[in-house]
Amino acid sequence: MQFDIESFKNNFRDGARANLFYYKPAVPALVQNDIGLEKMTYLVKSTSLPMRSLEEVLVQWQGFDFPFAGKSTFSEFTMTFNVDREAKVKKTFENWINLIHNPETNTYALTEMYMIDQRIQLLGYQGEVVLEYKLHNAWPRESGPIELSYDSTEIATFDVTWRYTHHTLSYSESGA
């Protein structure tokens, strides 16, 4: 079979765009402030869709290692947020982490108080949901630093590293 550039172009005409995504935030009621969840959606600068891998189990048989699939592992992932003028988005995550463990009182919240499902959507060219990841029992493990510099005119950003138990996929908006 001969390679034909027109056939290639016809078979790969529309690739998914990295800038077409939507984050639907949810935060515990105890840490919500007046930033509003919709504004948090638009302060996300970048992220990645979560990763899932299978652990490998090795069984030795007659001097050979025979690998087969073990349990699923869901890696933590990071979102980068632009900092709003009053740093309300940063305060929200700091308050959330403080709810999980307050270092002044040495108290911990119950998991149902701080674990909340999150949704990240990959969008098509018309804004339709192509792929939705629902992160179950998610919580911010780390609220990163805000880098400051006199020689920069960029909007300040910080990273939030998320931990969650597992994710499920939907090929349209789940609405939940």
C-alpha atoms as a PDB file:
ATOM      1  CA  MET A   1       0.000   0.000   0.000  1.00  0.00           C
ATOM      2  CA  GLN A   2       1.327   3.382  -0.980  1.00  0.00           C
ATOM      3  CA  PHE A   3       1.396   6.258   1.500  1.00  0.00           C
ATOM      4  CA  ASP A   4      -0.942   9.021   0.439  1.00  0.00           C
ATOM      5  CA  ILE A   5      -0.938  12.378   2.245  1.00  0.00           C
ATOM      6  CA  GLU A   6      -4.606  13.014   1.415  1.00  0.00           C
ATOM      7  CA  SER A   7      -5.634   9.697   3.008  1.00  0.00           C
ATOM      8  CA  PHE A   8      -3.590  10.598   6.071  1.00  0.00           C
ATOM      9  CA  LYS A   9      -5.217  14.032   6.342  1.00  0.00           C
ATOM     10  CA  ASN A  10      -8.706  12.564   5.907  1.00  0.00           C
ATOM     11  CA  ASN A  11      -8.113   9.972   8.629  1.00  0.00           C
ATOM     12  CA  PHE A  12      -6.695  12.480  11.094  1.00  0.00           C
ATOM     13  CA  ARG A  13      -8.499  15.673  10.364  1.00  0.00           C
ATOM     14  CA  ASP A  14      -9.546  16.767  13.849  1.00  0.00           C
ATOM     15  CA  GLY A  15      -7.292  16.072  16.791  1.00  0.00           C
ATOM     16  CA  ALA A  16      -8.298  16.961  20.345  1.00  0.00           C
ATOM     17  CA  ARG A  17      -6.982  20.371  21.433  1.00  0.00           C
ATOM     18  CA  ALA A  18      -5.095  20.729  24.714  1.00  0.00           C
ATOM     19  CA  ASN A  19      -6.740  24.102  25.388  1.00  0.00           C
ATOM     20  CA  LEU A  20     -10.292  22.754  25.178  1.00  0.00           C
ATOM     21  CA  PHE A  21     -10.994  21.559  28.703  1.00  0.00           C
ATOM     22  CA  TYR A  22     -13.276  22.487  31.563  1.00  0.00           C
ATOM     23  CA  TYR A  23     -12.875  21.996  35.304  1.00  0.00           C
ATOM     24  CA  LYS A  24     -16.033  21.751  37.407  1.00  0.00           C
ATOM     25  CA  PRO A  25     -14.866  22.480  40.952  1.00  0.00           C
ATOM     26  CA  ALA A  26     -16.526  21.402  44.151  1.00  0.00           C
ATOM     27  CA  VAL A  27     -15.257  22.467  47.567  1.00  0.00           C
ATOM     28  CA  PRO A  28     -16.403  21.644  51.095  1.00  0.00           C
ATOM     29  CA  ALA A  29     -19.091  23.960  52.437  1.00  0.00           C
ATOM     30  CA  LEU A  30     -16.879  24.815  55.412  1.00  0.00           C
ATOM     31  CA  VAL A  31     -14.208  26.416  53.195  1.00  0.00           C
ATOM     32  CA  GLN A  32     -16.316  28.154  50.553  1.00  0.00           C
ATOM     33  CA  ASN A  33     -15.730  31.860  50.383  1.00  0.00           C
ATOM     34  CA  ASP A  34     -17.070  34.549  48.105  1.00  0.00           C
ATOM     35  CA  ILE A  35     -14.868  33.569  45.137  1.00  0.00           C
ATOM     36  CA  GLY A  36     -17.609  31.434  43.623  1.00  0.00           C
ATOM     37  CA  LEU A  37     -17.092  28.072  41.969  1.00  0.00           C
ATOM     38  CA  GLU A  38     -17.641  29.471  38.473  1.00  0.00           C
ATOM     39  CA  LYS A  39     -14.762  31.916  38.925  1.00  0.00           C
ATOM     40  CA  MET A  40     -12.546  29.051  40.128  1.00  0.00           C
ATOM     41  CA  THR A  41     -13.312  27.269  36.851  1.00  0.00           C
ATOM     42  CA  TYR A  42     -11.837  30.135  34.855  1.00  0.00           C
ATOM     43  CA  LEU A  43      -8.776  30.542  37.069  1.00  0.00           C
ATOM     44  CA  VAL A  44      -7.425  27.133  36.030  1.00  0.00           C
ATOM     45  CA  LYS A  45      -4.432  27.777  33.803  1.00  0.00           C
ATOM     46  CA  SER A  46      -3.461  24.207  33.013  1.00  0.00           C
ATOM     47  CA  THR A  47      -3.852  20.625  34.122  1.00  0.00           C
ATOM     48  CA  SER A  48      -3.619  17.144  32.743  1.00  0.00           C
ATOM     49  CA  LEU A  49      -6.120  14.356  32.606  1.00  0.00           C
ATOM     50  CA  PRO A  50      -5.442  11.880  35.414  1.00  0.00           C
ATOM     51  CA  MET A  51      -3.313   8.797  34.917  1.00  0.00           C
ATOM     52  CA  ARG A  52      -4.200   5.203  35.681  1.00  0.00           C
ATOM     53  CA  SER A  53      -1.798   2.318  35.607  1.00  0.00           C
ATOM     54  CA  LEU A  54      -1.792  -1.345  36.512  1.00  0.00           C
ATOM     55  CA  GLU A  55       0.718  -2.658  38.973  1.00  0.00           C
ATOM     56  CA  GLU A  56       2.737  -5.581  37.738  1.00  0.00           C
ATOM     57  CA  VAL A  57       2.773  -8.890  39.608  1.00  0.00           C
ATOM     58  CA  LEU A  58       5.696 -11.171  38.795  1.00  0.00           C
ATOM     59  CA  VAL A  59       5.360 -14.928  39.122  1.00  0.00           C
ATOM     60  CA  GLN A  60       8.468 -16.992  38.661  1.00  0.00           C
ATOM     61  CA  TRP A  61       8.096 -20.122  36.584  1.00  0.00           C
ATOM     62  CA  GLN A  62      10.995 -22.362  35.597  1.00  0.00           C
ATOM     63  CA  GLY A  63      13.535 -19.559  35.845  1.00  0.00           C
ATOM     64  CA  PHE A  64      11.438 -16.983  34.004  1.00  0.00           C
ATOM     65  CA  ASP A  65       9.525 -14.010  35.336  1.00  0.00           C
ATOM     66  CA  PHE A  66       5.923 -14.117  34.148  1.00  0.00           C
ATOM     67  CA  PRO A  67       4.332 -10.658  34.536  1.00  0.00           C
ATOM     68  CA  PHE A  68       0.595 -10.211  34.796  1.00  0.00           C
ATOM     69  CA  ALA A  69      -1.675  -7.339  35.760  1.00  0.00           C
ATOM     70  CA  GLY A  70      -2.309  -6.524  39.392  1.00  0.00           C
ATOM     71  CA  LYS A  71      -4.355  -3.777  40.992  1.00  0.00           C
ATOM     72  CA  SER A  72      -5.125  -0.392  39.452  1.00  0.00           C
ATOM     73  CA  THR A  73      -3.186   2.603  40.691  1.00  0.00           C
ATOM     74  CA  PHE A  74      -4.496   6.146  40.313  1.00  0.00           C
ATOM     75  CA  SER A  75      -1.710   8.717  40.415  1.00  0.00           C
ATOM     76  CA  GLU A  76      -2.038  12.138  41.956  1.00  0.00           C
ATOM     77  CA  PHE A  77      -2.165  14.974  39.478  1.00  0.00           C
ATOM     78  CA  THR A  78      -1.565  18.705  39.450  1.00  0.00           C
ATOM     79  CA  MET A  79      -3.604  21.746  38.400  1.00  0.00           C
ATOM     80  CA  THR A  80      -2.087  25.186  37.928  1.00  0.00           C
ATOM     81  CA  PHE A  81      -4.286  28.110  38.976  1.00  0.00           C
ATOM     82  CA  ASN A  82      -3.964  31.790  38.123  1.00  0.00           C
ATOM     83  CA  VAL A  83      -4.144  33.872  41.288  1.00  0.00           C
ATOM     84  CA  ASP A  84      -7.034  36.344  41.380  1.00  0.00           C
ATOM     85  CA  ARG A  85      -6.566  39.898  42.669  1.00  0.00           C
ATOM     86  CA  GLU A  86      -7.512  39.114  46.272  1.00  0.00           C
ATOM     87  CA  ALA A  87      -5.924  35.625  46.193  1.00  0.00           C
ATOM     88  CA  LYS A  88      -9.293  34.078  47.054  1.00  0.00           C
ATOM     89  CA  VAL A  89      -8.546  30.928  45.061  1.00  0.00           C
ATOM     90  CA  LYS A  90      -5.329  30.401  47.052  1.00  0.00           C
ATOM     91  CA  LYS A  91      -7.169  31.078  50.314  1.00  0.00           C
ATOM     92  CA  THR A  92      -9.800  28.485  49.379  1.00  0.00           C
ATOM     93  CA  PHE A  93      -7.212  25.735  49.005  1.00  0.00           C
ATOM     94  CA  GLU A  94      -5.299  26.813  52.118  1.00  0.00           C
ATOM     95  CA  ASN A  95      -8.549  26.711  54.111  1.00  0.00           C
ATOM     96  CA  TRP A  96      -9.378  23.298  52.643  1.00  0.00           C
ATOM     97  CA  ILE A  97      -6.005  21.889  53.669  1.00  0.00           C
ATOM     98  CA  ASN A  98      -6.396  23.520  57.096  1.00  0.00           C
ATOM     99  CA  LEU A  99      -9.768  21.791  57.425  1.00  0.00           C
ATOM    100  CA  ILE A 100      -8.114  18.430  56.728  1.00  0.00           C
ATOM    101  CA  HIS A 101      -5.514  19.018  59.432  1.00  0.00           C
ATOM    102  CA  ASN A 102      -5.359  22.135  61.557  1.00  0.00           C
ATOM    103  CA  PRO A 103      -1.774  22.444  62.839  1.00  0.00           C
ATOM    104  CA  GLU A 104      -2.759  24.925  65.571  1.00  0.00           C
ATOM    105  CA  THR A 105      -5.351  22.678  67.197  1.00  0.00           C
ATOM    106  CA  ASN A 106      -3.943  19.394  65.862  1.00  0.00           C
ATOM    107  CA  THR A 107      -7.429  18.340  64.781  1.00  0.00           C
ATOM    108  CA  TYR A 108      -8.341  16.306  61.728  1.00  0.00           C
ATOM    109  CA  ALA A 109     -11.584  16.409  59.800  1.00  0.00           C
ATOM    110  CA  LEU A 110     -13.602  13.320  59.004  1.00  0.00           C
ATOM    111  CA  THR A 111     -13.070  12.131  55.437  1.00  0.00           C
ATOM    112  CA  GLU A 112     -16.650  12.904  54.441  1.00  0.00           C
ATOM    113  CA  MET A 113     -15.995  16.550  55.394  1.00  0.00           C
ATOM    114  CA  TYR A 114     -13.094  17.089  52.980  1.00  0.00           C
ATOM    115  CA  MET A 115     -13.236  14.420  50.251  1.00  0.00           C
ATOM    116  CA  ILE A 116     -15.322  15.712  47.359  1.00  0.00           C
ATOM    117  CA  ASP A 117     -15.717  14.411  43.806  1.00  0.00           C
ATOM    118  CA  GLN A 118     -14.199  16.622  41.101  1.00  0.00           C
ATOM    119  CA  ARG A 119     -14.863  16.645  37.350  1.00  0.00           C
ATOM    120  CA  ILE A 120     -12.515  17.476  34.488  1.00  0.00           C
ATOM    121  CA  GLN A 121     -13.808  17.487  30.936  1.00  0.00           C
ATOM    122  CA  LEU A 122     -12.096  17.292  27.566  1.00  0.00           C
ATOM    123  CA  LEU A 123     -14.179  19.356  25.142  1.00  0.00           C
ATOM    124  CA  GLY A 124     -14.819  19.133  21.412  1.00  0.00           C
ATOM    125  CA  TYR A 125     -14.587  22.061  19.008  1.00  0.00           C
ATOM    126  CA  GLN A 126     -18.205  23.089  19.684  1.00  0.00           C
ATOM    127  CA  GLY A 127     -17.840  22.943  23.487  1.00  0.00           C
ATOM    128  CA  GLU A 128     -19.440  19.503  23.815  1.00  0.00           C
ATOM    129  CA  VAL A 129     -18.051  17.062  26.363  1.00  0.00           C
ATOM    130  CA  VAL A 130     -15.973  14.402  24.627  1.00  0.00           C
ATOM    131  CA  LEU A 131     -14.521  12.780  27.728  1.00  0.00           C
ATOM    132  CA  GLU A 132     -15.226  13.405  31.408  1.00  0.00           C
ATOM    133  CA  TYR A 133     -13.126  12.201  34.301  1.00  0.00           C
ATOM    134  CA  LYS A 134     -14.903  12.045  37.625  1.00  0.00           C
ATOM    135  CA  LEU A 135     -12.371  11.922  40.449  1.00  0.00           C
ATOM    136  CA  HIS A 136     -13.909  10.176  43.423  1.00  0.00           C
ATOM    137  CA  ASN A 137     -13.077  11.256  46.983  1.00  0.00           C
ATOM    138  CA  ALA A 138     -10.670  13.975  45.851  1.00  0.00           C
ATOM    139  CA  TRP A 139      -8.803  16.314  48.166  1.00  0.00           C
ATOM    140  CA  PRO A 140      -5.923  18.761  47.751  1.00  0.00           C
ATOM    141  CA  ARG A 141      -2.771  17.102  49.048  1.00  0.00           C
ATOM    142  CA  GLU A 142      -0.627  20.156  48.425  1.00  0.00           C
ATOM    143  CA  SER A 143      -1.177  23.833  47.738  1.00  0.00           C
ATOM    144  CA  GLY A 144       2.078  24.970  46.165  1.00  0.00           C
ATOM    145  CA  PRO A 145       3.934  28.251  46.511  1.00  0.00           C
ATOM    146  CA  ILE A 146       3.201  31.415  44.563  1.00  0.00           C
ATOM    147  CA  GLU A 147       6.427  32.491  42.872  1.00  0.00           C
ATOM    148  CA  LEU A 148       7.030  36.248  43.102  1.00  0.00           C
ATOM    149  CA  SER A 149       9.580  38.272  41.133  1.00  0.00           C
ATOM    150  CA  TYR A 150      10.168  41.965  40.438  1.00  0.00           C
ATOM    151  CA  ASP A 151      11.285  41.188  36.885  1.00  0.00           C
ATOM    152  CA  SER A 152       8.032  39.473  35.885  1.00  0.00           C
ATOM    153  CA  THR A 153       4.790  40.949  34.606  1.00  0.00           C
ATOM    154  CA  GLU A 154       3.041  37.573  34.391  1.00  0.00           C
ATOM    155  CA  ILE A 155      -0.039  36.745  36.446  1.00  0.00           C
ATOM    156  CA  ALA A 156       0.975  34.841  39.572  1.00  0.00           C
ATOM    157  CA  THR A 157       0.196  31.119  39.621  1.00  0.00           C
ATOM    158  CA  PHE A 158       0.355  28.202  42.029  1.00  0.00           C
ATOM    159  CA  ASP A 159      -0.102  24.453  41.767  1.00  0.00           C
ATOM    160  CA  VAL A 160      -2.568  22.241  43.587  1.00  0.00           C
ATOM    161  CA  THR A 161      -1.674  18.559  43.796  1.00  0.00           C
ATOM    162  CA  TRP A 162      -4.742  16.357  44.075  1.00  0.00           C
ATOM    163  CA  ARG A 163      -5.140  12.914  45.588  1.00  0.00           C
ATOM    164  CA  TYR A 164      -8.207  10.753  45.009  1.00  0.00           C
ATOM    165  CA  THR A 165      -9.263   7.120  45.382  1.00  0.00           C
ATOM    166  CA  HIS A 166     -10.199   6.340  41.768  1.00  0.00           C
ATOM    167  CA  HIS A 167     -11.718   7.885  38.677  1.00  0.00           C
ATOM    168  CA  THR A 168     -14.481   6.919  36.297  1.00  0.00           C
ATOM    169  CA  LEU A 169     -14.882   7.930  32.681  1.00  0.00           C
ATOM    170  CA  SER A 170     -17.925   9.157  30.859  1.00  0.00           C
ATOM    171  CA  TYR A 171     -18.115  10.010  27.167  1.00  0.00           C
ATOM    172  CA  SER A 172     -20.600  12.812  27.747  1.00  0.00           C
ATOM    173  CA  GLU A 173     -21.363  15.184  30.619  1.00  0.00           C
ATOM    174  CA  SER A 174     -22.441  13.128  33.628  1.00  0.00           C
ATOM    175  CA  GLY A 175     -24.259  15.981  35.340  1.00  0.00           C
ATOM    176  CA  ALA A 176     -23.369  14.624  38.781  1.00  0.00           C
END
